[in-house]
Amino acid sequence: MNKVVAIQGIQGSFHHLVAQEFYGKEVQVKECMSFQELAQSLVNDETEEAVMAIENSIAGSILPNYALIDENNLKVVGEHYIPIAMNMMALKGQKIEDIKKVYSHPMALLQCKEFFKQYPHIKLIEDTDTAEVARRIAAKESKHVAAVASTAAASIFGLDILASDIHTKKSNSTRFLIISKKEKEPNGEKIDKASLKFELESRTGSLVSVLNIMRDFDLNMTKIQSMPIIETPWKYSFFIDITFDDFQRFSKAMEVLGIMTEQLRIFGTYKNKV
């Protein structure tokens, strides 16, 4: 039986493109209309792994996805980066001047906000998925409506691209995590990156002490993200990505951090793809 991989969105979405690049063109996917549904498919053993967007070079981190990984006790087993090219598409024969509304995922709209300043007559409306909007426009033959999505979505659903590469920064890329319910079995691949979470007591210098330990053990912090702990006002969880050359030194550092921090959790160790 082939591995089933969950994606947020449908075929033609950026999640689908990542799944094809990471697993191969023939990958079998389960389409999920929300990240919550995606996480639940892993919890319920409907899928073995999932592709989840976690941050964009323009729009920043998708904070709720960190919480989903944590709350559902999921594992990070890999990562993948793809350049993101946003395109405005509509039914054949439509022009930009004909468009009154544009639907897309909120992250996609955020990445294209400068482009749409040229067209104040167009109303931007957030939706669940880039490719799903393209499919809906084609199925309903909706005029005066456009989607922002990939060229693959335009091709699959037979839409015309009215404007290409409309994202604000041309160096636009998104990082995706490969997540699973189970830890990945060693396959000989070099492991040199980790994602982890911890909580700290609210006292002066507590975070600096953690960062000093990372420095002392030659760990390079590539990302830090804080989230408030709702049950405890003014206390925060920290989500951190680190890279390293020596796995044993990384393991030693985690032993020390386990003593210094509260609720240290290693989401996973995997191959750095930057």
C-alpha atoms as a PDB file:
ATOM      1  CA  MET A   1       0.000   0.000   0.000  1.00  0.00           C
ATOM      2  CA  ASN A   2       1.386   3.396  -0.998  1.00  0.00           C
ATOM      3  CA  LYS A   3       1.940   6.061   1.635  1.00  0.00           C
ATOM      4  CA  VAL A   4      -0.940   8.530   1.904  1.00  0.00           C
ATOM      5  CA  VAL A   5       0.129  12.114   2.567  1.00  0.00           C
ATOM      6  CA  ALA A   6      -2.182  14.839   3.864  1.00  0.00           C
ATOM      7  CA  ILE A   7      -2.062  18.290   2.264  1.00  0.00           C
ATOM      8  CA  GLN A   8      -3.880  21.494   3.107  1.00  0.00           C
ATOM      9  CA  GLY A   9      -5.885  22.311   0.010  1.00  0.00           C
ATOM     10  CA  ILE A  10      -6.455  20.421  -3.214  1.00  0.00           C
ATOM     11  CA  GLN A  11      -4.476  19.335  -6.258  1.00  0.00           C
ATOM     12  CA  GLY A  12      -2.827  22.364  -7.798  1.00  0.00           C
ATOM     13  CA  SER A  13      -2.244  23.999  -4.408  1.00  0.00           C
ATOM     14  CA  PHE A  14       1.260  24.828  -3.212  1.00  0.00           C
ATOM     15  CA  HIS A  15       0.969  22.036  -0.636  1.00  0.00           C
ATOM     16  CA  HIS A  16       0.312  19.620  -3.496  1.00  0.00           C
ATOM     17  CA  LEU A  17       3.353  20.882  -5.387  1.00  0.00           C
ATOM     18  CA  VAL A  18       5.521  20.350  -2.289  1.00  0.00           C
ATOM     19  CA  ALA A  19       4.163  16.817  -1.847  1.00  0.00           C
ATOM     20  CA  GLN A  20       5.050  16.018  -5.460  1.00  0.00           C
ATOM     21  CA  GLU A  21       8.551  17.430  -5.092  1.00  0.00           C
ATOM     22  CA  PHE A  22       9.210  15.702  -1.760  1.00  0.00           C
ATOM     23  CA  TYR A  23       7.614  12.301  -2.422  1.00  0.00           C
ATOM     24  CA  GLY A  24       7.462  12.114  -6.229  1.00  0.00           C
ATOM     25  CA  LYS A  25       4.848  12.986  -8.843  1.00  0.00           C
ATOM     26  CA  GLU A  26       2.725   9.898  -8.160  1.00  0.00           C
ATOM     27  CA  VAL A  27       2.237  10.637  -4.451  1.00  0.00           C
ATOM     28  CA  GLN A  28      -1.211   9.780  -3.114  1.00  0.00           C
ATOM     29  CA  VAL A  29      -2.666  12.745  -1.230  1.00  0.00           C
ATOM     30  CA  LYS A  30      -5.592  13.359   1.077  1.00  0.00           C
ATOM     31  CA  GLU A  31      -7.033  16.828   0.523  1.00  0.00           C
ATOM     32  CA  CYS A  32      -7.799  18.706   3.758  1.00  0.00           C
ATOM     33  CA  MET A  33      -9.589  22.045   3.801  1.00  0.00           C
ATOM     34  CA  SER A  34      -7.958  23.202   7.042  1.00  0.00           C
ATOM     35  CA  PHE A  35      -4.764  22.621   8.983  1.00  0.00           C
ATOM     36  CA  GLN A  36      -6.892  21.294  11.844  1.00  0.00           C
ATOM     37  CA  GLU A  37      -8.316  18.620   9.520  1.00  0.00           C
ATOM     38  CA  LEU A  38      -4.786  17.852   8.293  1.00  0.00           C
ATOM     39  CA  ALA A  39      -3.519  17.288  11.844  1.00  0.00           C
ATOM     40  CA  GLN A  40      -6.551  15.186  12.694  1.00  0.00           C
ATOM     41  CA  SER A  41      -5.917  12.918   9.698  1.00  0.00           C
ATOM     42  CA  LEU A  42      -2.573  11.998  11.271  1.00  0.00           C
ATOM     43  CA  VAL A  43      -4.027  11.528  14.738  1.00  0.00           C
ATOM     44  CA  ASN A  44      -6.732   9.228  13.317  1.00  0.00           C
ATOM     45  CA  ASP A  45      -4.202   7.234  11.245  1.00  0.00           C
ATOM     46  CA  GLU A  46      -5.936   8.230   8.007  1.00  0.00           C
ATOM     47  CA  THR A  47      -2.571   9.397   6.689  1.00  0.00           C
ATOM     48  CA  GLU A  48       1.034   8.524   7.517  1.00  0.00           C
ATOM     49  CA  GLU A  49       2.630  11.926   6.941  1.00  0.00           C
ATOM     50  CA  ALA A  50       1.525  15.446   6.067  1.00  0.00           C
ATOM     51  CA  VAL A  51       2.851  18.578   4.409  1.00  0.00           C
ATOM     52  CA  MET A  52       2.266  21.719   6.492  1.00  0.00           C
ATOM     53  CA  ALA A  53       3.271  25.292   5.631  1.00  0.00           C
ATOM     54  CA  ILE A  54       4.992  26.910   8.607  1.00  0.00           C
ATOM     55  CA  GLU A  55       6.479  30.206   7.416  1.00  0.00           C
ATOM     56  CA  ASN A  56       6.812  32.486   4.417  1.00  0.00           C
ATOM     57  CA  SER A  57       9.716  34.784   3.642  1.00  0.00           C
ATOM     58  CA  ILE A  58       7.315  37.727   3.192  1.00  0.00           C
ATOM     59  CA  ALA A  59       4.302  37.040   5.400  1.00  0.00           C
ATOM     60  CA  GLY A  60       6.145  35.396   8.296  1.00  0.00           C
ATOM     61  CA  SER A  61       5.188  32.445  10.488  1.00  0.00           C
ATOM     62  CA  ILE A  62       1.861  30.639  10.630  1.00  0.00           C
ATOM     63  CA  LEU A  63       1.688  30.635  14.406  1.00  0.00           C
ATOM     64  CA  PRO A  64      -1.397  28.409  14.865  1.00  0.00           C
ATOM     65  CA  ASN A  65       0.413  25.569  13.103  1.00  0.00           C
ATOM     66  CA  TYR A  66       3.029  25.405  15.858  1.00  0.00           C
ATOM     67  CA  ALA A  67       0.194  24.959  18.337  1.00  0.00           C
ATOM     68  CA  LEU A  68      -1.382  22.209  16.206  1.00  0.00           C
ATOM     69  CA  ILE A  69       1.872  20.246  16.128  1.00  0.00           C
ATOM     70  CA  ASP A  70       2.253  20.656  19.882  1.00  0.00           C
ATOM     71  CA  GLU A  71      -1.345  19.946  20.911  1.00  0.00           C
ATOM     72  CA  ASN A  72      -1.584  16.806  18.777  1.00  0.00           C
ATOM     73  CA  ASN A  73       1.827  15.477  19.839  1.00  0.00           C
ATOM     74  CA  LEU A  74       3.025  15.319  16.225  1.00  0.00           C
ATOM     75  CA  LYS A  75       6.604  14.869  15.054  1.00  0.00           C
ATOM     76  CA  VAL A  76       8.599  16.926  12.571  1.00  0.00           C
ATOM     77  CA  VAL A  77      10.407  14.485  10.270  1.00  0.00           C
ATOM     78  CA  GLY A  78      11.565  16.798   7.486  1.00  0.00           C
ATOM     79  CA  GLU A  79      11.317  20.154   5.776  1.00  0.00           C
ATOM     80  CA  HIS A  80      11.022  21.463   2.229  1.00  0.00           C
ATOM     81  CA  TYR A  81      11.310  24.920   0.685  1.00  0.00           C
ATOM     82  CA  ILE A  82       9.737  26.083  -2.568  1.00  0.00           C
ATOM     83  CA  PRO A  83       9.738  29.444  -4.346  1.00  0.00           C
ATOM     84  CA  ILE A  84       6.231  30.866  -4.419  1.00  0.00           C
ATOM     85  CA  ALA A  85       4.945  32.547  -7.574  1.00  0.00           C
ATOM     86  CA  MET A  86       1.490  34.084  -7.200  1.00  0.00           C
ATOM     87  CA  ASN A  87      -0.720  34.588 -10.235  1.00  0.00           C
ATOM     88  CA  MET A  88      -4.114  36.205 -10.741  1.00  0.00           C
ATOM     89  CA  MET A  89      -6.457  34.006 -12.783  1.00  0.00           C
ATOM     90  CA  ALA A  90     -10.041  34.041 -14.011  1.00  0.00           C
ATOM     91  CA  LEU A  91     -12.366  32.568 -16.641  1.00  0.00           C
ATOM     92  CA  LYS A  92     -11.158  32.809 -20.214  1.00  0.00           C
ATOM     93  CA  GLY A  93     -11.971  36.141 -21.820  1.00  0.00           C
ATOM     94  CA  GLN A  94     -11.932  38.119 -18.563  1.00  0.00           C
ATOM     95  CA  LYS A  95      -9.652  41.124 -18.075  1.00  0.00           C
ATOM     96  CA  ILE A  96      -8.384  42.696 -14.869  1.00  0.00           C
ATOM     97  CA  GLU A  97     -10.777  45.608 -15.428  1.00  0.00           C
ATOM     98  CA  ASP A  98     -13.685  43.127 -15.323  1.00  0.00           C
ATOM     99  CA  ILE A  99     -12.704  41.699 -11.937  1.00  0.00           C
ATOM    100  CA  LYS A 100     -14.590  42.920  -8.865  1.00  0.00           C
ATOM    101  CA  LYS A 101     -13.535  40.327  -6.295  1.00  0.00           C
ATOM    102  CA  VAL A 102     -10.407  38.235  -5.706  1.00  0.00           C
ATOM    103  CA  TYR A 103     -10.510  35.217  -3.413  1.00  0.00           C
ATOM    104  CA  SER A 104      -7.494  33.371  -2.023  1.00  0.00           C
ATOM    105  CA  HIS A 105      -5.821  32.067   1.108  1.00  0.00           C
ATOM    106  CA  PRO A 106      -5.043  34.970   3.503  1.00  0.00           C
ATOM    107  CA  MET A 107      -1.284  34.301   3.302  1.00  0.00           C
ATOM    108  CA  ALA A 108      -1.428  34.517  -0.500  1.00  0.00           C
ATOM    109  CA  LEU A 109      -3.323  37.811  -0.396  1.00  0.00           C
ATOM    110  CA  LEU A 110      -0.865  39.210   2.133  1.00  0.00           C
ATOM    111  CA  GLN A 111       2.026  38.380  -0.187  1.00  0.00           C
ATOM    112  CA  CYS A 112       0.362  40.319  -3.040  1.00  0.00           C
ATOM    113  CA  LYS A 113      -0.988  43.383  -1.246  1.00  0.00           C
ATOM    114  CA  GLU A 114       1.255  45.846  -3.111  1.00  0.00           C
ATOM    115  CA  PHE A 115       0.026  44.609  -6.496  1.00  0.00           C
ATOM    116  CA  PHE A 116      -3.626  45.104  -5.590  1.00  0.00           C
ATOM    117  CA  LYS A 117      -3.045  48.695  -4.489  1.00  0.00           C
ATOM    118  CA  GLN A 118      -3.092  49.457  -8.232  1.00  0.00           C
ATOM    119  CA  TYR A 119      -6.673  48.176  -8.427  1.00  0.00           C
ATOM    120  CA  PRO A 120      -8.717  49.789  -5.640  1.00  0.00           C
ATOM    121  CA  HIS A 121     -11.942  48.626  -7.334  1.00  0.00           C
ATOM    122  CA  ILE A 122     -11.074  44.989  -6.508  1.00  0.00           C
ATOM    123  CA  LYS A 123     -12.261  43.597  -3.170  1.00  0.00           C
ATOM    124  CA  LEU A 124      -9.909  41.046  -1.581  1.00  0.00           C
ATOM    125  CA  ILE A 125     -11.643  38.180   0.214  1.00  0.00           C
ATOM    126  CA  GLU A 126      -9.916  35.505   2.326  1.00  0.00           C
ATOM    127  CA  ASP A 127     -10.686  31.874   1.536  1.00  0.00           C
ATOM    128  CA  THR A 128      -9.524  28.415   2.614  1.00  0.00           C
ATOM    129  CA  ASP A 129      -7.204  27.490  -0.266  1.00  0.00           C
ATOM    130  CA  THR A 130      -5.659  29.000  -3.382  1.00  0.00           C
ATOM    131  CA  ALA A 131      -6.427  26.127  -5.773  1.00  0.00           C
ATOM    132  CA  GLU A 132      -9.911  25.509  -4.348  1.00  0.00           C
ATOM    133  CA  VAL A 133     -10.917  29.051  -5.370  1.00  0.00           C
ATOM    134  CA  ALA A 134      -9.621  28.392  -8.898  1.00  0.00           C
ATOM    135  CA  ARG A 135     -11.632  25.155  -9.075  1.00  0.00           C
ATOM    136  CA  ARG A 136     -14.776  26.895  -7.820  1.00  0.00           C
ATOM    137  CA  ILE A 137     -14.500  29.693 -10.381  1.00  0.00           C
ATOM    138  CA  ALA A 138     -14.162  27.143 -13.178  1.00  0.00           C
ATOM    139  CA  ALA A 139     -16.981  24.901 -11.909  1.00  0.00           C
ATOM    140  CA  LYS A 140     -19.450  27.755 -11.440  1.00  0.00           C
ATOM    141  CA  GLU A 141     -18.201  29.707 -14.473  1.00  0.00           C
ATOM    142  CA  SER A 142     -18.065  32.767 -12.224  1.00  0.00           C
ATOM    143  CA  LYS A 143     -17.479  36.051 -14.026  1.00  0.00           C
ATOM    144  CA  HIS A 144     -15.994  39.181 -12.445  1.00  0.00           C
ATOM    145  CA  VAL A 145     -14.187  36.960  -9.918  1.00  0.00           C
ATOM    146  CA  ALA A 146     -10.531  35.935  -9.820  1.00  0.00           C
ATOM    147  CA  ALA A 147      -8.249  33.690  -7.796  1.00  0.00           C
ATOM    148  CA  VAL A 148      -4.651  34.055  -6.692  1.00  0.00           C
ATOM    149  CA  ALA A 149      -2.956  30.692  -7.097  1.00  0.00           C
ATOM    150  CA  SER A 150      -0.210  28.696  -8.843  1.00  0.00           C
ATOM    151  CA  THR A 151       0.215  28.256 -12.580  1.00  0.00           C
ATOM    152  CA  ALA A 152      -0.557  24.573 -11.989  1.00  0.00           C
ATOM    153  CA  ALA A 153      -4.008  25.518 -10.670  1.00  0.00           C
ATOM    154  CA  ALA A 154      -4.674  27.665 -13.750  1.00  0.00           C
ATOM    155  CA  SER A 155      -3.669  24.775 -16.002  1.00  0.00           C
ATOM    156  CA  ILE A 156      -5.682  22.133 -14.121  1.00  0.00           C
ATOM    157  CA  PHE A 157      -8.888  24.178 -14.039  1.00  0.00           C
ATOM    158  CA  GLY A 158      -8.576  25.878 -17.431  1.00  0.00           C
ATOM    159  CA  LEU A 159      -8.314  29.490 -16.277  1.00  0.00           C
ATOM    160  CA  ASP A 160      -6.532  32.394 -17.938  1.00  0.00           C
ATOM    161  CA  ILE A 161      -3.687  34.051 -16.043  1.00  0.00           C
ATOM    162  CA  LEU A 162      -4.440  37.790 -16.008  1.00  0.00           C
ATOM    163  CA  ALA A 163      -1.221  38.761 -14.213  1.00  0.00           C
ATOM    164  CA  SER A 164       1.848  36.676 -13.387  1.00  0.00           C
ATOM    165  CA  ASP A 165       4.263  36.889 -10.461  1.00  0.00           C
ATOM    166  CA  ILE A 166       2.193  39.425  -8.553  1.00  0.00           C
ATOM    167  CA  HIS A 167       3.815  38.756  -5.162  1.00  0.00           C
ATOM    168  CA  THR A 168       5.514  41.782  -3.633  1.00  0.00           C
ATOM    169  CA  LYS A 169       9.000  40.353  -3.185  1.00  0.00           C
ATOM    170  CA  LYS A 170      10.356  38.266  -6.030  1.00  0.00           C
ATOM    171  CA  SER A 171      12.496  36.269  -3.586  1.00  0.00           C
ATOM    172  CA  ASN A 172       9.286  34.845  -2.138  1.00  0.00           C
ATOM    173  CA  SER A 173       9.577  31.341  -0.695  1.00  0.00           C
ATOM    174  CA  THR A 174       7.713  29.218   1.816  1.00  0.00           C
ATOM    175  CA  ARG A 175       9.028  26.650   4.243  1.00  0.00           C
ATOM    176  CA  PHE A 176       6.968  23.513   4.731  1.00  0.00           C
ATOM    177  CA  LEU A 177       7.335  20.921   7.469  1.00  0.00           C
ATOM    178  CA  ILE A 178       6.853  17.222   6.911  1.00  0.00           C
ATOM    179  CA  ILE A 179       5.003  15.962   9.965  1.00  0.00           C
ATOM    180  CA  SER A 180       3.983  12.557  11.225  1.00  0.00           C
ATOM    181  CA  LYS A 181       2.456  10.798  14.217  1.00  0.00           C
ATOM    182  CA  LYS A 182       5.625   8.720  14.543  1.00  0.00           C
ATOM    183  CA  GLU A 183       9.309   9.516  14.646  1.00  0.00           C
ATOM    184  CA  LYS A 184      11.169   8.835  11.406  1.00  0.00           C
ATOM    185  CA  GLU A 185      13.265   5.693  11.215  1.00  0.00           C
ATOM    186  CA  PRO A 186      16.993   6.377  10.543  1.00  0.00           C
ATOM    187  CA  ASN A 187      17.763   5.996   6.842  1.00  0.00           C
ATOM    188  CA  GLY A 188      21.402   7.049   6.735  1.00  0.00           C
ATOM    189  CA  GLU A 189      20.594  10.689   5.964  1.00  0.00           C
ATOM    190  CA  LYS A 190      22.628  13.251   7.902  1.00  0.00           C
ATOM    191  CA  ILE A 191      20.593  14.731  10.750  1.00  0.00           C
ATOM    192  CA  ASP A 192      21.633  18.321  11.458  1.00  0.00           C
ATOM    193  CA  LYS A 193      18.505  20.296  12.343  1.00  0.00           C
ATOM    194  CA  ALA A 194      15.946  20.197  15.152  1.00  0.00           C
ATOM    195  CA  SER A 195      12.677  21.871  16.083  1.00  0.00           C
ATOM    196  CA  LEU A 196      11.856  22.219  19.755  1.00  0.00           C
ATOM    197  CA  LYS A 197       9.655  23.986  22.271  1.00  0.00           C
ATOM    198  CA  PHE A 198      10.149  24.998  25.881  1.00  0.00           C
ATOM    199  CA  GLU A 199       8.665  27.221  28.542  1.00  0.00           C
ATOM    200  CA  LEU A 200      10.597  29.477  30.899  1.00  0.00           C
ATOM    201  CA  GLU A 201      10.038  30.930  34.315  1.00  0.00           C
ATOM    202  CA  SER A 202       9.365  34.650  34.213  1.00  0.00           C
ATOM    203  CA  ARG A 203      12.666  35.826  35.652  1.00  0.00           C
ATOM    204  CA  THR A 204      15.442  38.104  34.464  1.00  0.00           C
ATOM    205  CA  GLY A 205      17.947  36.471  32.147  1.00  0.00           C
ATOM    206  CA  SER A 206      16.190  33.112  31.754  1.00  0.00           C
ATOM    207  CA  LEU A 207      16.091  33.263  27.950  1.00  0.00           C
ATOM    208  CA  VAL A 208      19.657  34.597  27.759  1.00  0.00           C
ATOM    209  CA  SER A 209      20.827  31.597  29.811  1.00  0.00           C
ATOM    210  CA  VAL A 210      19.221  29.227  27.304  1.00  0.00           C
ATOM    211  CA  LEU A 211      20.800  31.026  24.364  1.00  0.00           C
ATOM    212  CA  ASN A 212      24.191  30.869  26.063  1.00  0.00           C
ATOM    213  CA  ILE A 213      23.880  27.091  26.391  1.00  0.00           C
ATOM    214  CA  MET A 214      23.124  26.837  22.697  1.00  0.00           C
ATOM    215  CA  ARG A 215      26.205  28.897  21.926  1.00  0.00           C
ATOM    216  CA  ASP A 216      28.398  26.830  24.246  1.00  0.00           C
ATOM    217  CA  PHE A 217      27.309  23.603  22.505  1.00  0.00           C
ATOM    218  CA  ASP A 218      27.793  25.046  18.996  1.00  0.00           C
ATOM    219  CA  LEU A 219      24.089  25.108  18.167  1.00  0.00           C
ATOM    220  CA  ASN A 220      23.015  27.694  15.611  1.00  0.00           C
ATOM    221  CA  MET A 221      19.541  29.090  16.251  1.00  0.00           C
ATOM    222  CA  THR A 222      17.874  29.749  12.885  1.00  0.00           C
ATOM    223  CA  LYS A 223      14.465  30.716  14.240  1.00  0.00           C
ATOM    224  CA  ILE A 224      12.788  31.699  17.494  1.00  0.00           C
ATOM    225  CA  GLN A 225       9.071  32.290  17.910  1.00  0.00           C
ATOM    226  CA  SER A 226       7.233  33.047  21.133  1.00  0.00           C
ATOM    227  CA  MET A 227       3.579  32.327  21.858  1.00  0.00           C
ATOM    228  CA  PRO A 228       1.645  33.327  24.973  1.00  0.00           C
ATOM    229  CA  ILE A 229       0.436  30.545  27.273  1.00  0.00           C
ATOM    230  CA  ILE A 230      -3.248  31.327  27.537  1.00  0.00           C
ATOM    231  CA  GLU A 231      -3.713  29.649  30.912  1.00  0.00           C
ATOM    232  CA  THR A 232      -0.844  31.664  32.447  1.00  0.00           C
ATOM    233  CA  PRO A 233      -0.892  35.385  31.567  1.00  0.00           C
ATOM    234  CA  TRP A 234       2.498  36.898  30.662  1.00  0.00           C
ATOM    235  CA  LYS A 235       4.166  33.510  30.363  1.00  0.00           C
ATOM    236  CA  TYR A 236       5.396  32.288  26.991  1.00  0.00           C
ATOM    237  CA  SER A 237       6.294  29.164  25.074  1.00  0.00           C
ATOM    238  CA  PHE A 238       9.291  29.411  22.753  1.00  0.00           C
ATOM    239  CA  PHE A 239       9.458  27.507  19.488  1.00  0.00           C
ATOM    240  CA  ILE A 240      13.010  27.254  18.194  1.00  0.00           C
ATOM    241  CA  ASP A 241      14.815  25.764  15.196  1.00  0.00           C
ATOM    242  CA  ILE A 242      18.503  24.981  15.506  1.00  0.00           C
ATOM    243  CA  THR A 243      21.161  23.516  13.247  1.00  0.00           C
ATOM    244  CA  PHE A 244      24.249  21.637  14.375  1.00  0.00           C
ATOM    245  CA  ASP A 245      27.191  19.607  13.069  1.00  0.00           C
ATOM    246  CA  ASP A 246      27.608  17.166  15.952  1.00  0.00           C
ATOM    247  CA  PHE A 247      24.544  15.165  16.985  1.00  0.00           C
ATOM    248  CA  GLN A 248      26.145  14.061  20.266  1.00  0.00           C
ATOM    249  CA  ARG A 249      26.765  17.684  21.306  1.00  0.00           C
ATOM    250  CA  PHE A 250      23.172  18.485  20.368  1.00  0.00           C
ATOM    251  CA  SER A 251      21.970  15.610  22.600  1.00  0.00           C
ATOM    252  CA  LYS A 252      24.119  16.841  25.505  1.00  0.00           C
ATOM    253  CA  ALA A 253      22.741  20.351  25.090  1.00  0.00           C
ATOM    254  CA  MET A 254      19.177  18.981  25.252  1.00  0.00           C
ATOM    255  CA  GLU A 255      19.994  17.248  28.531  1.00  0.00           C
ATOM    256  CA  VAL A 256      21.142  20.574  30.003  1.00  0.00           C
ATOM    257  CA  LEU A 257      18.150  22.487  28.592  1.00  0.00           C
ATOM    258  CA  GLY A 258      15.832  19.851  30.008  1.00  0.00           C
ATOM    259  CA  ILE A 259      17.019  20.887  33.474  1.00  0.00           C
ATOM    260  CA  MET A 260      17.014  24.652  32.797  1.00  0.00           C
ATOM    261  CA  THR A 261      13.627  24.928  31.100  1.00  0.00           C
ATOM    262  CA  GLU A 262      10.055  23.830  31.707  1.00  0.00           C
ATOM    263  CA  GLN A 263       8.353  21.314  29.413  1.00  0.00           C
ATOM    264  CA  LEU A 264      11.170  20.931  26.908  1.00  0.00           C
ATOM    265  CA  ARG A 265       9.870  19.072  23.888  1.00  0.00           C
ATOM    266  CA  ILE A 266      11.867  18.083  20.814  1.00  0.00           C
ATOM    267  CA  PHE A 267       9.394  17.967  17.916  1.00  0.00           C
ATOM    268  CA  GLY A 268      11.936  16.222  15.711  1.00  0.00           C
ATOM    269  CA  THR A 269      15.421  16.022  14.252  1.00  0.00           C
ATOM    270  CA  TYR A 270      15.873  15.981  10.503  1.00  0.00           C
ATOM    271  CA  LYS A 271      17.976  17.050   7.513  1.00  0.00           C
ATOM    272  CA  ASN A 272      18.496  20.795   7.052  1.00  0.00           C
ATOM    273  CA  LYS A 273      17.340  21.697   3.526  1.00  0.00           C
ATOM    274  CA  VAL A 274      18.458  25.342   3.386  1.00  0.00           C
END
